Protein backbone atom coordinates (compact mmCIF):
# COMPACT_ATOMS: atom_id res chain seq x y z
CA MET A 1 39.59 57.02 -9.07
CA THR A 2 38.15 53.95 -10.74
CA SER A 3 34.42 53.64 -10.47
CA ALA A 4 33.74 50.10 -9.32
CA VAL A 5 30.06 49.62 -8.72
CA ALA A 6 28.93 46.40 -7.10
CA ALA A 7 25.24 46.96 -6.45
CA GLY A 8 26.09 50.18 -4.67
CA THR A 9 28.14 48.55 -1.92
CA LYS A 10 31.54 50.08 -2.60
CA SER A 11 30.92 53.15 -0.48
CA MET A 12 29.66 50.99 2.40
CA MET A 13 32.70 48.73 2.09
CA ALA A 14 35.05 51.69 1.86
CA ALA A 15 33.67 53.13 5.07
CA SER A 16 34.34 49.91 6.97
CA ALA A 17 37.57 48.80 5.28
CA PRO A 18 39.06 51.54 3.06
CA ASN A 19 42.43 49.81 2.61
CA LYS A 20 40.80 46.52 1.63
CA VAL A 21 38.69 48.18 -1.10
CA ASN A 22 41.72 49.96 -2.53
CA GLU A 23 43.78 46.76 -2.45
CA ASP A 24 41.01 44.80 -4.18
CA GLU A 25 40.58 47.54 -6.76
CA GLU A 26 44.30 47.56 -7.53
CA ARG A 27 44.36 43.76 -7.73
CA LEU A 28 41.46 43.77 -10.18
CA LEU A 29 43.14 46.40 -12.37
CA ARG A 30 46.37 44.39 -12.44
CA LEU A 31 44.47 41.22 -13.31
CA LEU A 32 42.70 42.93 -16.21
CA ASP A 33 46.02 44.28 -17.45
CA GLN A 34 47.91 40.99 -17.13
CA GLN A 35 45.26 38.55 -18.29
CA PHE A 36 43.46 40.55 -20.94
CA GLY A 37 45.94 43.25 -21.93
CA LEU A 38 43.33 45.95 -21.29
CA GLN A 39 45.78 48.47 -19.82
CA VAL A 40 43.10 49.79 -17.47
CA ALA A 41 45.55 50.52 -14.66
CA SER A 42 47.06 53.32 -16.72
CA GLN A 43 43.57 54.52 -17.67
CA HIS A 44 41.97 54.06 -14.25
CA GLN A 45 40.44 57.54 -14.19
CA ARG A 46 38.54 56.75 -17.37
CA THR A 47 37.59 53.20 -16.42
CA THR A 48 34.33 52.00 -14.96
CA ILE A 49 34.07 48.45 -13.73
CA VAL A 50 30.65 47.06 -12.91
CA ILE A 51 30.41 43.81 -10.99
CA MET A 52 26.94 42.34 -10.85
CA SER A 53 25.43 39.16 -9.55
CA GLU A 54 21.93 37.78 -9.56
CA PHE A 55 22.58 36.20 -6.18
CA GLY A 56 20.71 37.94 -3.41
CA ARG A 57 18.54 40.14 -5.58
CA CYS A 58 17.75 42.58 -2.82
CA HIS A 59 16.87 45.83 -4.57
CA GLY A 60 13.17 46.38 -4.98
CA VAL A 61 10.34 44.86 -3.01
CA TRP A 62 11.12 41.55 -1.31
CA PRO A 63 8.63 39.09 -2.81
CA GLY A 64 9.24 36.38 -0.23
CA LEU A 65 9.90 32.69 -0.74
CA ALA A 66 6.35 31.37 -0.82
CA ASN A 67 5.88 28.99 -3.74
CA ASP A 68 3.36 31.30 -5.44
CA LYS A 69 5.88 34.19 -5.26
CA LEU A 70 8.70 32.27 -6.94
CA ASP A 71 9.36 32.59 -10.67
CA GLU A 72 8.03 29.39 -12.22
CA HIS A 73 7.64 28.10 -8.64
CA ALA A 74 11.41 27.58 -8.48
CA ASP A 75 13.49 30.79 -8.52
CA LEU A 76 13.48 33.98 -6.52
CA ALA A 77 11.49 36.54 -8.47
CA ILE A 78 13.48 39.27 -10.19
CA THR A 79 12.98 42.60 -8.45
CA THR A 80 15.52 44.74 -10.31
CA ASP A 81 15.87 45.27 -14.03
CA TYR A 82 19.64 45.47 -14.31
CA ARG A 83 19.30 47.76 -17.30
CA GLN A 84 18.20 50.33 -14.69
CA VAL A 85 21.39 49.83 -12.68
CA LEU A 86 23.60 49.92 -15.77
CA SER A 87 21.82 52.95 -17.21
CA GLU A 88 22.56 54.87 -13.99
CA VAL A 89 26.24 54.00 -14.30
CA LEU A 90 26.21 54.94 -17.96
CA LEU A 91 24.57 58.31 -17.32
CA ALA A 92 26.86 59.08 -14.37
CA ARG A 93 30.06 58.24 -16.25
CA MET A 94 29.17 59.36 -19.78
CA ARG A 95 27.29 62.62 -19.53
CA GLY A 96 24.87 63.01 -22.41
CA ALA A 97 24.81 59.28 -23.21
CA GLU A 98 21.67 57.95 -24.85
CA VAL A 99 20.46 54.96 -22.84
CA SER A 100 18.23 53.92 -25.76
CA ASN A 101 21.35 53.38 -27.90
CA VAL A 102 22.66 50.87 -25.39
CA PHE A 103 19.33 49.34 -24.33
CA PRO A 104 16.87 49.73 -27.23
CA GLY A 105 13.27 49.94 -26.05
CA PHE A 106 14.22 50.49 -22.41
CA THR A 107 13.17 53.63 -20.58
CA PRO A 108 14.96 54.17 -17.25
CA GLY A 109 12.75 54.59 -14.21
CA ALA A 110 13.41 56.64 -11.09
CA PRO A 111 17.09 56.45 -10.11
CA LEU A 112 17.97 53.80 -7.56
CA GLY A 113 20.68 56.06 -6.14
CA LEU A 114 23.52 53.58 -6.59
CA VAL A 115 25.92 55.97 -8.26
């Protein structure tokens, strides 16, 4: 099974619409094969796809929208270091991986429990 991690929502989506998740997963694999020649469909058991967005940064403590809580008084403050999310995926999929080789100077914190 392909590991598609979208901020930990795949399992929630699968519970509510299992066929839709599988269809979307298959569509994504075909697109990667056709457009980029990655041949991931044939390697789906060894493939991890991570889809991330900065929209709706909801992991962590909600800072609120007060002007003094916004980054540079304009943007929603970052509450998640995405190196943490990616390091969890890396460690789950590549046992024994060294996070410091991928993210020099970064030390993972407590797991977020996404994987």
